[in-house]
Amino acid sequence: MKDLKVAVVGATGLVGTKMLQVLAERNFPVAEIIPVASEKSVGKEVEFKGKKYKVVSAADAIAAKPNVAIFSAGGSTSLEWAPKFAEAGITVIDNSSAWRMDPTKALVVPEINADILNADTKIIANPNCSTIQMVVALNPLHAKYKIKRLVVSTYQSVTGTGVKAVTQLENERKGIQGEMAYKYPIDLNVIPQIDVFLDNGYTKEEMKMVNETKKIMRDDSIRVTSTTVRIPVMGGHSEAVNVEFEKDFDLAEVKELLSKAPGVVVVDDPANAQYPMPKDAHEKDDVFVGRLRRDESQPNTLNMWIVSDNLRKGAATNAVQIAEYLNGKGLL
């Protein structure tokens, strides 16, 4: 793989900081790093591989002509600037929701559908964090048994909201009055709302899981229903997933398929209380799967528990893996 000029847009935020960390940890071939943030952050310094780099504006980043720009700066920034980077011949990997359901844009989880990318793909959408971990675990099972319907309930880390939410949780645990990321306290509480409510009574986060799953897995016949919940943890998102297949399955074969799937780690030993938990997924790139059991209320249906670090595989790592794929195929 060739060394590349890499811009990280939103480099001072929670996910942007994680992008820089993951690029360094995975030894991505960076010839030059270009940290980008809003005008108020221009001139600040961020660290990458032990060196300090000054934050620049988006316009200055385009002028520097990076090979790839990894965005994590919110939807409005992506809508404004991603096309400008793309017009300059720079490949954009965008972590916001701005482009995910655009029919002209690729929505990519490398283990599943990186094959849709080519040299002309200039804006690539990184899926929603809760969707990524679910489809990584489901894809090998879909290939074997064909999924008919998914019922998913999520238990999502405050890190998915950002620094403000982490601070709210920490303040509440210390008894400090501070700025609120949520309408309600989050410590000793769960909030059954992630993002805004839509006309159908579901939240945007819930509908992201419905629509993105079908697009990534290239199968509009999969029926999905979702309830997404914020809980007072850090380290990763957890999901209870009920999967109805067209074909019957053997539980031992399910475990074997998952254990061989790229990016999946099976932790499923109930006799010894071994199952995936956010504290064990923290700072890891894998998707952890456990509590595998047959749904005894109806045929061909599996219950599973899926946990992953939402800032890593759910955001930064998936984006970097897309860049690795593109570079490995000579597409950058």
Protein backbone atom coordinates (compact mmCIF):
# COMPACT_ATOMS: atom_id res chain seq x y z
CA MET A 1 0.00 0.00 0.00
CA LYS A 2 1.26 3.46 -0.86
CA ASP A 3 1.74 6.26 1.66
CA LEU A 4 -1.12 8.74 1.57
CA LYS A 5 -1.97 12.27 2.57
CA VAL A 6 -4.90 11.90 4.98
CA ALA A 7 -7.25 14.65 6.14
CA VAL A 8 -9.36 14.06 9.26
CA VAL A 9 -12.30 16.47 9.26
CA GLY A 10 -13.63 16.99 12.77
CA ALA A 11 -10.26 16.05 14.24
CA THR A 12 -10.90 17.70 17.62
CA GLY A 13 -14.17 15.82 18.36
CA LEU A 14 -14.70 12.52 20.16
CA VAL A 15 -14.82 10.41 16.98
CA GLY A 16 -12.20 12.50 15.15
CA THR A 17 -9.76 11.96 18.02
CA LYS A 18 -10.52 8.22 17.81
CA MET A 19 -9.90 8.33 14.01
CA LEU A 20 -6.38 9.66 14.63
CA GLN A 21 -5.79 7.00 17.30
CA VAL A 22 -6.99 4.17 15.04
CA LEU A 23 -4.96 5.39 12.05
CA ALA A 24 -1.86 5.30 14.27
CA GLU A 25 -2.63 1.95 15.92
CA ARG A 26 -3.32 0.20 12.62
CA ASN A 27 -0.18 1.71 11.08
CA PHE A 28 -2.15 3.14 8.20
CA PRO A 29 0.45 4.39 5.67
CA VAL A 30 0.19 8.13 6.38
CA ALA A 31 2.64 10.32 4.49
CA GLU A 32 1.05 13.46 5.95
CA ILE A 33 -1.81 14.02 8.38
CA ILE A 34 -4.05 17.07 7.91
CA PRO A 35 -6.31 17.72 10.92
CA VAL A 36 -9.36 19.80 10.03
CA ALA A 37 -11.98 21.42 12.26
CA SER A 38 -14.31 24.40 12.47
CA GLU A 39 -12.97 27.96 12.23
CA LYS A 40 -12.96 28.33 16.03
CA SER A 41 -10.55 25.38 16.31
CA VAL A 42 -8.17 26.44 13.51
CA GLY A 43 -4.68 26.86 14.94
CA LYS A 44 -5.23 24.45 17.82
CA GLU A 45 -2.96 21.42 17.97
CA VAL A 46 -3.78 17.71 17.88
CA GLU A 47 -1.38 14.83 18.39
CA PHE A 48 -0.67 12.03 15.93
CA LYS A 49 2.05 9.43 16.53
CA GLY A 50 3.71 11.60 19.17
CA LYS A 51 3.87 14.75 17.03
CA LYS A 52 1.75 17.89 17.19
CA TYR A 53 -0.13 19.12 14.14
CA LYS A 54 -1.96 22.41 13.71
CA VAL A 55 -5.66 22.26 12.85
CA VAL A 56 -6.51 23.85 9.49
CA SER A 57 -9.74 24.93 7.80
CA ALA A 58 -11.60 22.76 5.31
CA ALA A 59 -10.64 25.11 2.47
CA ASP A 60 -6.95 24.87 3.38
CA ALA A 61 -7.25 21.08 3.59
CA ILE A 62 -8.62 20.91 0.03
CA ALA A 63 -5.72 23.09 -1.13
CA ALA A 64 -3.30 20.60 0.46
CA LYS A 65 -4.74 17.90 -1.86
CA PRO A 66 -5.01 14.86 0.43
CA ASN A 67 -5.70 11.46 -1.15
CA VAL A 68 -8.50 10.75 1.30
CA ALA A 69 -10.57 12.78 3.78
CA ILE A 70 -12.25 11.01 6.69
CA PHE A 71 -15.15 13.11 7.95
CA SER A 72 -16.63 13.10 11.44
CA ALA A 73 -17.96 16.62 11.81
CA GLY A 74 -21.73 16.28 11.61
CA GLY A 75 -24.23 16.13 8.77
CA SER A 76 -24.36 19.82 7.86
CA THR A 77 -20.56 20.00 7.52
CA SER A 78 -20.57 16.86 5.38
CA LEU A 79 -23.35 18.15 3.11
CA GLU A 80 -21.45 21.40 2.56
CA TRP A 81 -17.87 20.18 2.28
CA ALA A 82 -17.85 16.54 1.10
CA PRO A 83 -18.86 17.54 -2.48
CA LYS A 84 -16.13 20.21 -2.50
CA PHE A 85 -13.49 17.67 -1.51
CA ALA A 86 -14.87 15.19 -4.06
CA GLU A 87 -14.81 17.81 -6.83
CA ALA A 88 -11.11 18.30 -6.07
CA GLY A 89 -10.55 14.57 -6.69
CA ILE A 90 -10.31 13.68 -2.98
CA THR A 91 -12.06 10.51 -1.79
CA VAL A 92 -14.35 11.22 1.17
CA ILE A 93 -15.30 8.65 3.82
CA ASP A 94 -18.11 10.28 5.79
CA ASN A 95 -19.18 9.23 9.26
CA SER A 96 -22.33 11.37 9.43
CA SER A 97 -25.83 10.36 8.36
CA ALA A 98 -25.77 12.90 5.49
CA TRP A 99 -25.18 10.51 2.58
CA ARG A 100 -26.10 7.08 3.91
CA MET A 101 -29.47 6.67 2.24
CA ASP A 102 -28.59 8.65 -0.91
CA PRO A 103 -29.14 6.06 -3.67
CA THR A 104 -26.10 7.41 -5.55
CA LYS A 105 -23.73 6.88 -2.59
CA ALA A 106 -22.10 3.70 -1.31
CA LEU A 107 -22.87 2.69 2.29
CA VAL A 108 -20.05 0.36 3.27
CA VAL A 109 -19.08 -2.18 5.90
CA PRO A 110 -15.87 -3.68 4.42
CA GLU A 111 -16.56 -7.25 5.62
CA ILE A 112 -19.85 -7.21 3.70
CA ASN A 113 -19.95 -4.97 0.64
CA ALA A 114 -16.62 -3.27 -0.08
CA ASP A 115 -16.78 -4.84 -3.54
CA ILE A 116 -19.17 -2.04 -4.63
CA LEU A 117 -16.32 0.50 -4.43
CA ASN A 118 -14.34 1.64 -7.46
CA ALA A 119 -12.04 4.47 -8.53
CA ASP A 120 -15.01 6.70 -9.33
CA THR A 121 -16.52 6.37 -5.83
CA LYS A 122 -15.70 9.75 -4.30
CA ILE A 123 -18.16 10.01 -1.38
CA ILE A 124 -18.52 6.86 0.74
CA ALA A 125 -20.90 6.74 3.69
CA ASN A 126 -19.90 5.08 6.96
CA PRO A 127 -23.03 3.46 8.45
CA ASN A 128 -24.62 4.12 11.81
CA CYS A 129 -22.69 2.59 14.71
CA SER A 130 -25.50 0.33 15.90
CA THR A 131 -26.15 -0.90 12.36
CA ILE A 132 -22.49 -1.74 11.68
CA GLN A 133 -22.06 -4.14 14.57
CA MET A 134 -25.36 -5.86 13.89
CA VAL A 135 -24.78 -6.52 10.19
CA VAL A 136 -21.19 -7.74 10.75
CA ALA A 137 -22.62 -10.46 13.00
CA LEU A 138 -25.65 -11.19 10.82
CA ASN A 139 -24.02 -11.33 7.38
CA PRO A 140 -22.58 -14.88 7.58
CA LEU A 141 -25.93 -16.15 8.91
CA HIS A 142 -27.88 -14.37 6.17
CA ALA A 143 -25.67 -16.03 3.53
CA LYS A 144 -26.47 -19.47 4.96
CA TYR A 145 -30.07 -19.27 6.20
CA LYS A 146 -31.52 -16.06 4.64
CA ILE A 147 -32.96 -13.57 7.11
CA LYS A 148 -36.71 -12.90 6.95
CA ARG A 149 -37.16 -10.57 9.92
CA LEU A 150 -35.09 -8.82 12.62
CA VAL A 151 -36.31 -7.47 15.96
CA VAL A 152 -33.55 -5.44 17.61
CA SER A 153 -33.39 -3.59 20.93
CA THR A 154 -30.25 -1.56 21.60
CA TYR A 155 -28.53 -0.50 24.81
CA GLN A 156 -26.29 2.34 23.66
CA SER A 157 -23.30 4.03 25.30
CA VAL A 158 -23.32 7.76 26.09
CA THR A 159 -20.19 8.07 23.93
CA GLY A 160 -22.49 7.75 20.94
CA THR A 161 -23.87 11.20 21.77
CA GLY A 162 -20.46 12.82 22.25
CA VAL A 163 -18.28 14.60 24.80
CA LYS A 164 -21.20 16.58 26.24
CA ALA A 165 -23.03 13.36 27.19
CA VAL A 166 -19.93 11.78 28.71
CA THR A 167 -19.49 14.93 30.81
CA GLN A 168 -23.16 14.82 31.88
CA LEU A 169 -22.80 11.23 33.10
CA GLU A 170 -19.54 11.98 34.93
CA ASN A 171 -21.00 15.14 36.51
CA GLU A 172 -24.07 13.27 37.73
CA ARG A 173 -21.91 10.58 39.32
CA LYS A 174 -19.93 13.31 41.14
CA GLY A 175 -23.06 15.24 42.15
CA ILE A 176 -22.07 18.23 40.02
CA GLN A 177 -24.68 20.41 38.29
CA GLY A 178 -23.60 20.94 34.69
CA GLU A 179 -24.64 21.19 31.07
CA MET A 180 -27.14 18.53 30.00
CA ALA A 181 -26.76 16.58 26.74
CA TYR A 182 -30.07 14.85 27.42
CA LYS A 183 -33.45 16.14 28.57
CA TYR A 184 -33.25 13.82 31.59
CA PRO A 185 -30.55 12.52 33.95
CA ILE A 186 -28.73 9.54 32.42
CA ASP A 187 -27.05 8.08 35.53
CA LEU A 188 -29.26 5.44 37.22
CA ASN A 189 -31.62 5.81 34.28
CA VAL A 190 -32.32 4.61 30.75
CA ILE A 191 -33.73 6.89 28.06
CA PRO A 192 -35.80 5.16 25.32
CA GLN A 193 -35.06 7.87 22.77
CA ILE A 194 -32.03 8.26 20.51
CA ASP A 195 -32.30 11.14 18.03
CA VAL A 196 -35.62 12.85 17.22
CA PHE A 197 -39.03 11.23 16.84
CA LEU A 198 -40.51 10.85 13.36
CA ASP A 199 -44.15 10.88 12.28
CA ASN A 200 -44.39 7.08 12.54
CA GLY A 201 -43.50 7.14 16.26
CA TYR A 202 -40.01 5.74 15.71
CA THR A 203 -36.82 7.75 16.24
CA LYS A 204 -34.34 8.56 13.48
CA GLU A 205 -31.87 6.14 15.06
CA GLU A 206 -34.41 3.33 14.89
CA MET A 207 -35.21 4.00 11.24
CA LYS A 208 -31.50 4.21 10.41
CA MET A 209 -31.16 0.61 11.58
CA VAL A 210 -34.16 -0.43 9.48
CA ASN A 211 -33.09 1.26 6.25
CA GLU A 212 -29.30 0.91 6.45
CA THR A 213 -29.47 -2.83 7.17
CA LYS A 214 -31.33 -3.45 3.92
CA LYS A 215 -28.96 -1.26 1.89
CA ILE A 216 -25.73 -2.74 3.28
CA MET A 217 -26.94 -6.33 2.99
CA ARG A 218 -28.39 -5.63 -0.49
CA ASP A 219 -31.73 -7.18 0.40
CA ASP A 220 -34.88 -5.06 0.67
CA SER A 221 -36.93 -8.13 1.62
CA ILE A 222 -35.46 -8.20 5.15
CA ARG A 223 -38.06 -6.85 7.58
CA VAL A 224 -36.58 -4.91 10.49
CA THR A 225 -38.08 -3.32 13.59
CA SER A 226 -35.99 -1.49 16.16
CA THR A 227 -36.10 0.11 19.60
CA THR A 228 -33.00 2.13 20.54
CA VAL A 229 -32.20 3.05 24.13
CA ARG A 230 -29.48 5.17 25.77
CA ILE A 231 -27.99 3.68 28.95
CA PRO A 232 -25.41 5.02 31.46
CA VAL A 233 -22.36 3.10 30.20
CA MET A 234 -19.21 3.87 28.28
CA GLY A 235 -17.26 1.43 26.17
CA GLY A 236 -19.72 0.18 23.61
CA HIS A 237 -23.22 -0.49 22.38
CA SER A 238 -25.12 -3.70 23.16
CA GLU A 239 -27.97 -5.21 21.15
CA ALA A 240 -30.53 -7.95 21.74
CA VAL A 241 -31.36 -9.28 18.29
CA ASN A 242 -34.10 -11.76 17.40
CA VAL A 243 -33.54 -13.19 13.91
CA GLU A 244 -36.12 -15.15 11.94
CA PHE A 245 -34.63 -17.15 9.04
CA GLU A 246 -36.23 -18.73 5.99
CA LYS A 247 -34.29 -21.95 6.65
CA ASP A 248 -33.84 -23.84 9.88
CA PHE A 249 -30.42 -23.81 11.52
CA ASP A 250 -28.22 -25.89 13.73
CA LEU A 251 -26.97 -23.96 16.77
CA ALA A 252 -23.51 -25.54 16.64
CA GLU A 253 -23.23 -24.56 12.96
CA VAL A 254 -24.32 -21.00 13.81
CA LYS A 255 -21.49 -20.74 16.34
CA GLU A 256 -19.02 -22.17 13.82
CA LEU A 257 -20.10 -19.71 11.10
CA LEU A 258 -19.78 -16.78 13.50
CA SER A 259 -16.41 -17.91 14.86
CA LYS A 260 -15.02 -17.99 11.30
CA ALA A 261 -16.56 -14.65 10.25
CA PRO A 262 -14.13 -11.73 9.80
CA GLY A 263 -14.32 -9.23 12.63
CA VAL A 264 -16.49 -11.44 14.87
CA VAL A 265 -15.54 -12.96 18.24
CA VAL A 266 -17.90 -15.49 19.84
CA VAL A 267 -18.15 -15.22 23.64
CA ASP A 268 -20.84 -17.75 24.52
CA ASP A 269 -20.32 -19.91 27.59
CA PRO A 270 -23.35 -19.43 29.85
CA ALA A 271 -22.23 -22.19 32.23
CA ASN A 272 -19.28 -19.99 33.17
CA ALA A 273 -21.17 -16.66 32.85
CA GLN A 274 -19.19 -15.75 29.73
CA TYR A 275 -20.97 -13.33 27.36
CA PRO A 276 -20.12 -10.03 25.65
CA MET A 277 -20.16 -6.84 27.74
CA PRO A 278 -19.27 -3.23 26.84
CA LYS A 279 -16.41 -3.08 29.32
CA ASP A 280 -14.73 -6.00 27.53
CA ALA A 281 -15.35 -4.56 24.04
CA HIS A 282 -13.90 -1.15 25.00
CA GLU A 283 -10.95 -0.14 22.76
CA LYS A 284 -11.28 -3.29 20.64
CA ASP A 285 -12.16 -3.47 16.94
CA ASP A 286 -14.13 -6.72 16.99
CA VAL A 287 -17.85 -7.41 17.17
CA PHE A 288 -18.57 -9.73 20.10
CA VAL A 289 -21.49 -12.18 19.93
CA GLY A 290 -23.01 -14.39 22.62
CA ARG A 291 -26.22 -15.57 24.36
CA LEU A 292 -26.89 -17.64 21.24
CA ARG A 293 -30.08 -19.62 21.68
CA ARG A 294 -33.09 -20.81 19.76
CA ASP A 295 -36.29 -18.78 20.10
CA GLU A 296 -38.64 -21.46 21.43
CA SER A 297 -41.77 -19.44 20.61
CA GLN A 298 -41.53 -19.88 16.84
CA PRO A 299 -39.56 -21.89 14.23
CA ASN A 300 -36.29 -20.93 12.48
CA THR A 301 -35.61 -18.09 14.92
CA LEU A 302 -32.43 -17.23 16.83
CA ASN A 303 -31.75 -14.92 19.77
CA MET A 304 -28.34 -13.31 20.00
CA TRP A 305 -26.52 -10.58 21.96
CA ILE A 306 -24.11 -8.32 20.04
CA VAL A 307 -21.62 -5.88 21.59
CA SER A 308 -19.03 -3.60 20.01
CA ASP A 309 -17.08 -0.41 20.78
CA ASN A 310 -19.20 2.20 19.01
CA LEU A 311 -16.34 4.69 18.61
CA ARG A 312 -14.11 2.06 17.01
CA LYS A 313 -15.86 -0.52 14.78
CA GLY A 314 -19.01 1.59 15.00
CA ALA A 315 -17.22 4.65 13.61
CA ALA A 316 -13.46 5.20 13.37
CA THR A 317 -12.25 1.66 12.67
CA ASN A 318 -14.87 1.00 9.99
CA ALA A 319 -13.88 4.24 8.23
CA VAL A 320 -10.17 3.38 8.38
CA GLN A 321 -10.90 -0.15 7.12
CA ILE A 322 -12.67 1.40 4.11
CA ALA A 323 -9.56 3.50 3.46
CA GLU A 324 -7.37 0.39 3.84
CA TYR A 325 -9.49 -1.45 1.29
CA LEU A 326 -9.34 1.44 -1.19
CA ASN A 327 -5.58 1.76 -0.80
CA GLY A 328 -5.04 -1.99 -1.07
CA LYS A 329 -7.00 -2.04 -4.34
CA GLY A 330 -5.13 0.97 -5.73
CA LEU A 331 -8.29 3.11 -5.70
CA LEU A 332 -6.76 6.12 -3.92
